[in-house]
């Protein structure tokens, strides 16, 4: 190189054609990077030409494995449809009618849904892993936030699991209080569903009315527990506090008012022609399909299977109260609507029996290893103060072992598998969330239906994404 020639290593001069090539490369890399950033990998719905037949059949809802190895409806696997006749469309996760951060990838032929793939994971909180870092005393504050529409059920199933390992027996009053609060919570949860389902169908009036009734239940929760939601009320060993003075009158007013209003809901929705057209014969599910997918709750009972853990595997004192297990016939959206409406009435029936049967006595076990001292004693006794401090800082130790306990939540079987290594913290906790399991039904429910019915079908499943992504 000549001495009079200077070269700047930081600057490269390009002609116009070269600049255009570089711009195209940059844009291509940006597009590829953007795709990688938003891709959920194998969880996403892929084109038919790159999807294996077995996976395609599973996504189409045609392949369901039963316990005996039988394959349901193998002839319904449609794998020869050309890709240029279909379109893959994203619905969610920001869609207001997916009931949380749920993303659906839909393969459409015109407006007909061929395949559906639910994509989850946008709300991960790591509650099961977090349980390993929290004591059993703190555990209820963790699990209560999973299914935030029915937090008391989360607290109940965790407490029952811990108590089964502890080997302690609940006072009768504590058991009946738990039943009372959970049935009120079931009513409140179904009322939220009635409200949001009505809104999804275009009935803004239903949204106003159902939330009005739910407010009565939440006001009672606030009066009893100090909080409207995520109460941390049901704890290992009993409940946090006794029922407030005048609770009987409050319960009577709640039951009388909500029962009367359910018949107003009947007048508003049940016979409404547009509502019935959006519900009847839409999102059908058979009993065989539901059982193959381990679906529970109103979704299973809509197919005619009378499976309710309160009756099939009684816990608490449900074997001492009379109630009916509501079932459907066709497994469609309307059956699921009718079941939840009538379950509100059955919960009212149970609550009224609890009102008559509520015994006197302790609302928690009087075991100093599990139960903190009365608040009044803390100011009077140094021993009580030390006991209180150690219980809420170190917790109580649970004997080694493992257990699985399940209850009937408003959405189905809610179970907790708990492993103890003898310390004050769970070694492992796994939750069987009904919303997570029931989401498997969406490909079946939506297959062959119209895109316009997707919102109605999602609503009929009643998923709570806090439980799905726990």
Protein backbone atom coordinates (compact mmCIF):
# COMPACT_ATOMS: atom_id res chain seq x y z
CA UNK A 1 0.00 0.00 0.00
CA UNK A 2 1.30 3.49 -0.86
CA UNK A 3 2.40 5.74 1.97
CA UNK A 4 0.12 8.54 0.78
CA UNK A 5 -2.96 6.36 1.06
CA UNK A 6 -4.75 6.34 4.45
CA UNK A 7 -7.26 3.73 5.42
CA UNK A 8 -9.88 4.12 8.18
CA UNK A 9 -10.62 0.62 9.52
CA UNK A 10 -13.90 1.81 11.12
CA UNK A 11 -15.42 3.11 7.91
CA UNK A 12 -16.39 1.12 4.82
CA UNK A 13 -17.83 2.94 1.82
CA UNK A 14 -20.50 1.07 -0.17
CA UNK A 15 -22.20 1.86 -3.41
CA UNK A 16 -26.01 2.12 -3.57
CA UNK A 17 -26.49 -1.52 -4.66
CA UNK A 18 -24.38 -2.84 -1.80
CA UNK A 19 -26.27 -0.69 0.70
CA UNK A 20 -29.55 -2.20 -0.50
CA UNK A 21 -28.16 -5.72 0.00
CA UNK A 22 -27.02 -4.91 3.53
CA UNK A 23 -30.42 -3.38 4.35
CA UNK A 24 -32.17 -6.56 3.21
CA UNK A 25 -29.85 -8.72 5.33
CA UNK A 26 -30.50 -6.57 8.40
CA UNK A 27 -34.26 -6.72 7.88
CA UNK A 28 -34.16 -10.50 7.41
CA UNK A 29 -32.14 -10.95 10.60
CA UNK A 30 -34.50 -8.68 12.52
CA UNK A 31 -37.51 -10.65 11.30
CA UNK A 32 -35.88 -13.97 12.24
CA UNK A 33 -34.93 -12.63 15.66
CA UNK A 34 -38.46 -11.33 16.21
CA UNK A 35 -39.87 -14.76 15.30
CA UNK A 36 -37.53 -16.52 17.69
CA UNK A 37 -38.45 -14.09 20.47
CA UNK A 38 -42.19 -14.70 20.12
CA UNK A 39 -42.11 -18.41 19.29
CA UNK A 40 -43.22 -20.96 21.87
CA UNK A 41 -41.38 -23.75 20.05
CA UNK A 42 -43.01 -27.17 19.94
CA UNK A 43 -45.95 -25.85 21.94
CA UNK A 44 -47.17 -23.89 18.92
CA UNK A 45 -49.53 -25.11 16.21
CA UNK A 46 -47.49 -25.86 13.07
CA UNK A 47 -48.45 -26.20 9.43
CA UNK A 48 -49.89 -29.52 8.36
CA UNK A 49 -47.00 -30.34 6.03
CA UNK A 50 -44.55 -30.36 8.97
CA UNK A 51 -46.85 -32.10 11.48
CA UNK A 52 -46.83 -35.86 11.99
CA UNK A 53 -50.09 -37.72 11.54
CA UNK A 54 -50.26 -38.80 15.18
CA UNK A 55 -49.73 -35.27 16.45
CA UNK A 56 -52.17 -33.92 13.87
CA UNK A 57 -54.82 -36.33 15.06
CA UNK A 58 -54.18 -35.37 18.66
CA UNK A 59 -54.47 -31.66 17.87
CA UNK A 60 -57.66 -32.33 15.93
CA UNK A 61 -59.09 -34.04 18.98
CA UNK A 62 -59.46 -37.30 17.10
CA UNK A 63 -56.99 -39.46 19.03
CA UNK A 64 -57.80 -40.09 22.68
CA UNK A 65 -56.11 -42.90 24.58
CA UNK A 66 -58.31 -44.74 27.01
CA UNK A 67 -56.97 -46.84 29.88
CA UNK A 68 -57.43 -50.03 27.87
CA UNK A 69 -55.60 -48.62 24.84
CA UNK A 70 -58.68 -48.05 22.67
CA UNK A 71 -58.44 -45.19 20.18
CA UNK A 72 -61.54 -43.04 19.81
CA UNK A 73 -62.72 -41.93 16.35
CA UNK A 74 -59.58 -42.75 14.35
CA UNK A 75 -61.41 -42.05 11.08
CA UNK A 76 -61.77 -38.37 11.93
CA UNK A 77 -58.06 -37.66 11.45
CA UNK A 78 -57.92 -35.33 8.46
CA UNK A 79 -54.28 -35.18 7.37
CA UNK A 80 -54.60 -34.69 3.62
CA UNK A 81 -56.06 -31.20 3.60
CA UNK A 82 -53.72 -28.82 1.69
CA UNK A 83 -52.19 -25.98 3.69
CA UNK A 84 -53.23 -23.38 1.14
CA UNK A 85 -56.88 -24.05 2.01
CA UNK A 86 -56.44 -23.20 5.68
CA UNK A 87 -55.19 -20.35 7.84
CA UNK A 88 -53.59 -20.40 11.30
CA UNK A 89 -54.85 -17.56 13.50
CA UNK A 90 -53.79 -16.45 16.98
CA UNK A 91 -56.46 -15.66 19.55
CA UNK A 92 -55.00 -14.15 22.72
CA UNK A 93 -53.17 -13.99 25.03
CA UNK A 94 -54.40 -10.40 25.34
CA UNK A 95 -57.92 -11.15 24.11
CA UNK A 96 -60.46 -9.97 26.73
CA UNK A 97 -62.64 -13.07 26.35
CA UNK A 98 -59.97 -15.73 26.85
CA UNK A 99 -60.55 -15.32 30.60
CA UNK A 100 -56.94 -14.50 31.36
CA UNK A 101 -53.68 -14.78 29.51
CA UNK A 102 -54.66 -17.80 27.40
CA UNK A 103 -53.42 -18.01 23.83
CA UNK A 104 -55.17 -20.20 21.27
CA UNK A 105 -53.77 -21.05 17.87
CA UNK A 106 -56.65 -21.92 15.56
CA UNK A 107 -56.47 -23.54 12.14
CA UNK A 108 -59.41 -22.25 10.14
CA UNK A 109 -61.01 -23.23 6.88
CA UNK A 110 -63.05 -20.17 6.18
CA UNK A 111 -64.77 -19.63 9.53
CA UNK A 112 -64.74 -23.31 10.54
CA UNK A 113 -62.27 -24.38 13.23
CA UNK A 114 -60.26 -27.46 12.22
CA UNK A 115 -57.55 -27.58 14.87
CA UNK A 116 -56.94 -25.79 18.17
CA UNK A 117 -53.86 -25.66 20.33
CA UNK A 118 -53.98 -23.89 23.72
CA UNK A 119 -50.66 -22.23 24.59
CA UNK A 120 -50.11 -21.47 28.25
CA UNK A 121 -47.31 -20.18 30.43
CA UNK A 122 -47.76 -16.41 30.25
CA UNK A 123 -48.60 -16.13 33.96
CA UNK A 124 -46.08 -18.48 35.57
CA UNK A 125 -45.58 -17.78 39.26
CA UNK A 126 -43.79 -20.96 40.37
CA UNK A 127 -46.10 -21.58 43.32
CA UNK A 128 -45.30 -25.29 43.57
CA UNK A 129 -41.57 -24.61 43.76
CA UNK A 130 -42.12 -21.65 46.05
CA UNK A 131 -43.92 -23.97 48.48
CA UNK A 132 -40.59 -25.67 49.18
CA UNK A 133 -39.21 -22.39 50.57
CA UNK A 134 -42.25 -21.63 52.76
CA UNK A 135 -43.28 -23.24 56.02
CA UNK A 136 -46.59 -25.04 56.36
CA UNK A 137 -47.82 -22.02 58.33
CA UNK A 138 -47.04 -19.80 55.34
CA UNK A 139 -48.33 -22.30 52.78
CA UNK A 140 -51.92 -21.06 52.71
CA UNK A 141 -50.83 -17.57 51.68
CA UNK A 142 -49.10 -19.13 48.68
CA UNK A 143 -51.77 -21.50 47.36
CA UNK A 144 -54.70 -19.14 47.93
CA UNK A 145 -53.56 -17.14 44.90
CA UNK A 146 -53.77 -20.01 42.40
CA UNK A 147 -57.46 -20.18 41.55
CA UNK A 148 -58.24 -16.63 42.62
CA UNK A 149 -61.96 -17.15 41.93
CA UNK A 150 -62.14 -19.83 44.63
CA UNK A 151 -59.19 -19.17 46.98
CA UNK A 152 -60.76 -20.92 49.98
CA UNK A 153 -60.69 -24.26 48.13
CA UNK A 154 -56.96 -23.85 47.54
CA UNK A 155 -56.44 -23.21 51.24
CA UNK A 156 -58.68 -26.14 52.17
CA UNK A 157 -56.95 -28.77 50.06
CA UNK A 158 -53.48 -27.68 51.19
CA UNK A 159 -54.57 -27.73 54.84
CA UNK A 160 -56.19 -31.17 54.50
CA UNK A 161 -52.99 -32.54 52.96
CA UNK A 162 -50.83 -31.12 55.77
CA UNK A 163 -53.26 -32.39 58.40
CA UNK A 164 -53.28 -35.90 56.94
CA UNK A 165 -49.50 -36.04 57.44
CA UNK A 166 -49.75 -34.51 60.90
CA UNK A 167 -52.42 -37.03 61.89
CA UNK A 168 -54.53 -34.45 63.71
CA UNK A 169 -58.33 -34.44 63.92
CA UNK A 170 -60.31 -31.26 63.38
CA UNK A 171 -62.85 -29.98 65.90
CA UNK A 172 -66.37 -30.34 64.54
CA UNK A 173 -66.99 -26.60 64.48
CA UNK A 174 -63.85 -26.02 62.39
CA UNK A 175 -65.02 -28.61 59.86
CA UNK A 176 -68.47 -27.08 59.52
CA UNK A 177 -67.02 -23.56 59.22
CA UNK A 178 -64.80 -24.78 56.40
CA UNK A 179 -67.81 -26.26 54.62
CA UNK A 180 -69.77 -23.05 55.07
CA UNK A 181 -67.03 -20.84 53.67
CA UNK A 182 -66.30 -23.14 50.73
CA UNK A 183 -69.94 -23.40 49.66
CA UNK A 184 -70.25 -19.61 49.83
CA UNK A 185 -67.09 -19.44 47.72
CA UNK A 186 -68.60 -21.88 45.22
CA UNK A 187 -71.61 -19.60 44.89
CA UNK A 188 -69.37 -16.56 44.40
CA UNK A 189 -67.26 -18.36 41.78
CA UNK A 190 -70.27 -19.52 39.78
CA UNK A 191 -71.72 -16.01 39.98
CA UNK A 192 -68.55 -14.64 38.38
CA UNK A 193 -68.94 -17.25 35.66
CA UNK A 194 -72.59 -16.31 35.14
CA UNK A 195 -71.51 -12.68 34.83
CA UNK A 196 -68.61 -13.18 32.42
CA UNK A 197 -70.43 -15.82 30.37
CA UNK A 198 -73.36 -13.44 30.01
CA UNK A 199 -70.99 -10.68 28.89
CA UNK A 200 -69.34 -13.05 26.40
CA UNK A 201 -72.78 -13.72 24.95
CA UNK A 202 -73.58 -10.00 24.79
CA UNK A 203 -75.64 -9.65 27.98
CA UNK A 204 -74.12 -6.76 29.90
CA UNK A 205 -77.08 -6.90 32.30
CA UNK A 206 -75.98 -10.33 33.52
CA UNK A 207 -72.55 -8.89 34.33
CA UNK A 208 -74.11 -6.23 36.55
CA UNK A 209 -76.59 -8.50 38.31
CA UNK A 210 -74.25 -11.40 39.12
CA UNK A 211 -71.52 -9.14 40.46
CA UNK A 212 -74.16 -7.45 42.61
CA UNK A 213 -74.98 -10.79 44.27
CA UNK A 214 -71.33 -11.80 44.55
CA UNK A 215 -70.70 -8.60 46.48
CA UNK A 216 -72.89 -9.92 49.30
CA UNK A 217 -70.70 -13.01 49.65
CA UNK A 218 -67.45 -11.05 49.50
CA UNK A 219 -68.74 -8.64 52.14
CA UNK A 220 -69.34 -11.60 54.45
CA UNK A 221 -65.83 -12.88 53.70
CA UNK A 222 -64.42 -9.48 54.61
CA UNK A 223 -66.43 -9.43 57.82
CA UNK A 224 -65.23 -12.91 58.79
CA UNK A 225 -61.64 -13.01 57.53
CA UNK A 226 -60.68 -9.36 57.07
CA UNK A 227 -60.21 -9.84 53.31
CA UNK A 228 -62.49 -10.23 50.30
CA UNK A 229 -60.20 -12.56 48.32
CA UNK A 230 -57.02 -14.56 49.02
CA UNK A 231 -58.07 -14.70 52.63
CA UNK A 232 -55.54 -17.08 54.23
CA UNK A 233 -58.48 -18.09 56.42
CA UNK A 234 -58.37 -21.89 56.23
CA UNK A 235 -55.05 -23.03 57.71
CA UNK A 236 -53.54 -26.31 58.89
CA UNK A 237 -55.20 -26.92 62.23
CA UNK A 238 -58.50 -25.17 61.59
CA UNK A 239 -59.46 -21.64 60.59
CA UNK A 240 -57.91 -18.29 61.47
CA UNK A 241 -60.87 -16.92 63.44
CA UNK A 242 -64.35 -17.86 64.59
CA UNK A 243 -67.45 -16.68 62.77
CA UNK A 244 -68.47 -13.09 63.65
CA UNK A 245 -71.45 -12.16 65.79
CA UNK A 246 -74.68 -12.19 63.81
CA UNK A 247 -73.32 -14.50 61.12
CA UNK A 248 -76.53 -16.53 61.10
CA UNK A 249 -78.59 -13.50 60.02
CA UNK A 250 -76.02 -12.58 57.36
CA UNK A 251 -76.11 -16.09 55.90
CA UNK A 252 -79.90 -16.18 55.89
CA UNK A 253 -80.06 -12.90 53.94
CA UNK A 254 -77.42 -14.10 51.45
CA UNK A 255 -79.23 -17.39 50.81
CA UNK A 256 -82.69 -15.84 50.46
CA UNK A 257 -81.52 -13.05 48.17
CA UNK A 258 -79.31 -15.08 45.84
CA UNK A 259 -81.86 -17.91 45.51
CA UNK A 260 -84.54 -15.43 44.46
CA UNK A 261 -82.15 -13.78 41.99
CA UNK A 262 -81.28 -17.10 40.31
CA UNK A 263 -84.87 -17.27 39.06
CA UNK A 264 -84.42 -13.78 37.63
CA UNK A 265 -81.36 -15.12 35.80
CA UNK A 266 -83.62 -17.83 34.40
CA UNK A 267 -85.99 -15.21 33.03
CA UNK A 268 -83.12 -13.17 31.61
CA UNK A 269 -81.11 -15.92 29.91
CA UNK A 270 -82.58 -19.41 29.88
CA UNK A 271 -85.42 -18.72 27.49
CA UNK A 272 -83.69 -15.97 25.52
CA UNK A 273 -83.64 -17.07 21.84
CA UNK A 274 -80.24 -15.58 20.93
CA UNK A 275 -78.64 -16.97 24.10
CA UNK A 276 -80.01 -20.46 23.43
CA UNK A 277 -78.77 -20.41 19.83
CA UNK A 278 -75.27 -19.55 21.04
CA UNK A 279 -75.38 -22.35 23.64
CA UNK A 280 -77.46 -25.31 22.48
CA UNK A 281 -75.56 -27.85 20.41
CA UNK A 282 -72.34 -25.82 20.62
CA UNK A 283 -69.17 -27.27 22.12
CA UNK A 284 -70.46 -30.83 22.44
CA UNK A 285 -68.46 -33.38 24.42
CA UNK A 286 -69.18 -37.05 25.00
CA UNK A 287 -68.72 -38.88 28.30
CA UNK A 288 -66.09 -41.18 26.73
CA UNK A 289 -64.04 -38.20 25.55
CA UNK A 290 -64.30 -36.42 28.89
CA UNK A 291 -63.23 -39.50 30.85
CA UNK A 292 -60.35 -40.18 28.45
CA UNK A 293 -59.01 -36.69 29.14
CA UNK A 294 -59.53 -36.93 32.94
CA UNK A 295 -61.86 -33.94 32.81
CA UNK A 296 -63.84 -33.19 35.98
CA UNK A 297 -66.31 -30.66 37.35
CA UNK A 298 -69.28 -29.19 35.44
CA UNK A 299 -67.49 -30.00 32.19
CA UNK A 300 -67.65 -33.73 32.98
CA UNK A 301 -71.07 -33.62 34.59
CA UNK A 302 -72.50 -31.95 31.48
CA UNK A 303 -71.91 -35.26 29.65
CA UNK A 304 -74.13 -37.13 32.11
CA UNK A 305 -71.43 -38.52 34.42
CA UNK A 306 -72.51 -37.85 38.06
CA UNK A 307 -68.96 -37.46 39.42
CA UNK A 308 -68.72 -35.05 42.34
CA UNK A 309 -66.10 -35.68 45.03
CA UNK A 310 -68.45 -34.36 47.71
CA UNK A 311 -70.68 -37.35 46.96
CA UNK A 312 -68.32 -39.90 45.40
CA UNK A 313 -65.46 -39.52 47.94
CA UNK A 314 -66.92 -37.47 50.82
CA UNK A 315 -64.60 -35.22 52.80
CA UNK A 316 -65.31 -32.80 55.66
CA UNK A 317 -68.95 -33.52 56.62
CA UNK A 318 -70.53 -33.67 53.16
CA UNK A 319 -71.90 -37.11 53.94
CA UNK A 320 -74.10 -35.46 56.58
CA UNK A 321 -75.91 -33.02 54.26
CA UNK A 322 -78.43 -33.59 51.47
CA UNK A 323 -77.79 -32.20 48.00
CA UNK A 324 -78.17 -33.29 44.40
CA UNK A 325 -75.37 -33.79 41.87
CA UNK A 326 -76.51 -31.84 38.82
CA UNK A 327 -75.80 -33.54 35.47
CA UNK A 328 -76.49 -32.74 31.83
CA UNK A 329 -77.39 -34.81 28.80
CA UNK A 330 -75.77 -33.40 25.67
CA UNK A 331 -72.46 -32.09 26.98
CA UNK A 332 -72.92 -28.73 25.26
CA UNK A 333 -72.57 -25.12 26.38
CA UNK A 334 -76.17 -24.95 27.54
CA UNK A 335 -75.79 -27.99 29.80
CA UNK A 336 -72.76 -26.38 31.43
CA UNK A 337 -74.71 -23.16 31.93
CA UNK A 338 -77.65 -24.99 33.50
CA UNK A 339 -75.39 -27.05 35.76
CA UNK A 340 -73.62 -24.02 37.22
CA UNK A 341 -76.87 -22.14 37.71
CA UNK A 342 -78.38 -25.07 39.59
CA UNK A 343 -75.20 -25.70 41.57
CA UNK A 344 -75.64 -22.21 43.04
CA UNK A 345 -79.04 -23.35 44.30
CA UNK A 346 -77.62 -26.61 45.65
CA UNK A 347 -74.89 -24.69 47.51
CA UNK A 348 -77.60 -22.53 49.08
CA UNK A 349 -79.35 -25.73 50.13
CA UNK A 350 -76.13 -27.02 51.73
CA UNK A 351 -75.42 -23.70 53.47
CA UNK A 352 -78.87 -23.69 55.05
CA UNK A 353 -78.26 -27.16 56.46
CA UNK A 354 -74.88 -26.03 57.81
CA UNK A 355 -76.68 -23.13 59.47
CA UNK A 356 -78.83 -25.63 61.38
CA UNK A 357 -76.06 -28.12 62.16
CA UNK A 358 -73.27 -25.71 63.20
CA UNK A 359 -72.00 -26.94 66.61
CA UNK A 360 -70.34 -24.94 69.34
CA UNK A 361 -66.72 -25.49 70.29
CA UNK A 362 -63.23 -24.73 69.07
CA UNK A 363 -62.57 -23.36 65.60
CA UNK A 364 -59.04 -24.83 65.58
CA UNK A 365 -57.15 -27.67 67.26
CA UNK A 366 -55.78 -26.94 70.69
CA UNK A 367 -52.36 -28.38 69.94
CA UNK A 368 -49.58 -25.97 70.97
CA UNK A 369 -47.27 -27.48 68.35
CA UNK A 370 -49.63 -26.41 65.55
CA UNK A 371 -51.87 -23.69 66.96
CA UNK A 372 -50.66 -20.25 68.07
CA UNK A 373 -51.76 -19.02 71.51
CA UNK A 374 -54.76 -16.69 71.81
CA UNK A 375 -53.91 -13.11 70.93
CA UNK A 376 -54.92 -11.90 74.39
CA UNK A 377 -52.35 -14.20 76.03
CA UNK A 378 -49.42 -12.70 74.10
CA UNK A 379 -49.55 -9.48 76.18
CA UNK A 380 -49.77 -11.42 79.45
CA UNK A 381 -47.37 -14.34 79.09
CA UNK A 382 -43.73 -14.42 77.96
CA UNK A 383 -44.12 -18.11 77.13
CA UNK A 384 -47.05 -17.34 74.84
CA UNK A 385 -45.09 -14.58 73.13
CA UNK A 386 -42.14 -16.92 72.52
CA UNK A 387 -44.47 -19.67 71.32
CA UNK A 388 -46.18 -17.28 68.90
CA UNK A 389 -42.84 -15.96 67.61
CA UNK A 390 -41.33 -19.39 67.00
CA UNK A 391 -44.47 -20.75 65.32
CA UNK A 392 -44.64 -17.94 62.78
CA UNK A 393 -40.90 -17.76 62.12
CA UNK A 394 -39.85 -21.41 62.22
CA UNK A 395 -43.19 -23.14 61.70
CA UNK A 396 -44.10 -26.63 62.91
CA UNK A 397 -42.50 -29.87 61.77
CA UNK A 398 -44.52 -32.43 59.83
CA UNK A 399 -43.69 -36.17 60.01
CA UNK A 400 -42.06 -37.77 56.98
CA UNK A 401 -44.44 -39.14 54.39
CA UNK A 402 -46.45 -38.36 51.30
CA UNK A 403 -50.13 -37.84 50.67
CA UNK A 404 -52.64 -36.86 48.03
CA UNK A 405 -55.87 -35.09 48.96
CA UNK A 406 -58.53 -33.83 46.58
CA UNK A 407 -61.63 -31.65 46.94
CA UNK A 408 -64.40 -30.61 44.56
CA UNK A 409 -63.69 -27.03 43.53
CA UNK A 410 -66.12 -25.05 41.32
CA UNK A 411 -64.04 -26.19 38.32
CA UNK A 412 -63.52 -29.86 39.23
CA UNK A 413 -61.06 -32.04 41.14
CA UNK A 414 -58.49 -29.87 42.90
CA UNK A 415 -55.78 -32.05 44.40
CA UNK A 416 -52.53 -31.56 46.31
CA UNK A 417 -49.73 -34.10 46.37
CA UNK A 418 -47.52 -33.29 49.34
CA UNK A 419 -44.19 -34.86 50.36
CA UNK A 420 -42.65 -34.18 53.78
CA UNK A 421 -39.07 -34.89 54.80
CA UNK A 422 -39.79 -34.23 58.47
CA UNK A 423 -38.93 -30.53 58.39
CA UNK A 424 -41.15 -27.47 58.73
CA UNK A 425 -41.29 -26.99 54.94
CA UNK A 426 -42.71 -29.30 52.24
CA UNK A 427 -40.06 -31.29 50.40
CA UNK A 428 -42.30 -31.30 47.31
CA UNK A 429 -45.76 -30.07 46.42
CA UNK A 430 -47.67 -30.68 43.22
CA UNK A 431 -51.14 -29.37 42.49
CA UNK A 432 -53.68 -31.10 40.28
CA UNK A 433 -55.46 -28.01 38.95
CA UNK A 434 -58.82 -28.68 37.23
CA UNK A 435 -58.48 -25.66 34.94
CA UNK A 436 -55.16 -27.01 33.64
CA UNK A 437 -56.61 -30.46 32.93
CA UNK A 438 -59.90 -29.19 31.50
CA UNK A 439 -58.13 -27.02 28.92
CA UNK A 440 -57.32 -30.28 27.09
CA UNK A 441 -60.94 -30.36 26.01
CA UNK A 442 -60.74 -27.20 23.89
CA UNK A 443 -59.55 -28.93 20.67
CA UNK A 444 -62.50 -31.32 20.96
CA UNK A 445 -65.04 -28.66 21.89
CA UNK A 446 -64.02 -26.31 19.08
CA UNK A 447 -63.45 -28.86 16.30
CA UNK A 448 -65.87 -28.38 13.44
CA UNK A 449 -67.47 -25.34 15.04
CA UNK A 450 -67.51 -21.74 13.94
CA UNK A 451 -64.90 -19.16 14.81
CA UNK A 452 -67.70 -17.03 16.28
CA UNK A 453 -68.43 -19.80 18.82
CA UNK A 454 -64.86 -19.90 20.18
CA UNK A 455 -65.52 -17.28 22.87
CA UNK A 456 -68.68 -19.06 24.04
CA UNK A 457 -66.86 -22.41 24.26
CA UNK A 458 -63.85 -21.01 26.15
CA UNK A 459 -66.25 -19.40 28.62
CA UNK A 460 -68.09 -22.69 29.14
CA UNK A 461 -64.85 -24.38 30.28
CA UNK A 462 -64.42 -21.66 32.96
CA UNK A 463 -60.61 -21.71 33.11
CA UNK A 464 -58.71 -19.65 35.67
CA UNK A 465 -55.23 -19.00 34.33
CA UNK A 466 -53.73 -18.36 37.76
CA UNK A 467 -54.30 -22.05 38.44
CA UNK A 468 -53.17 -23.20 34.98
CA UNK A 469 -49.86 -21.28 35.15
CA UNK A 470 -49.33 -21.70 38.90
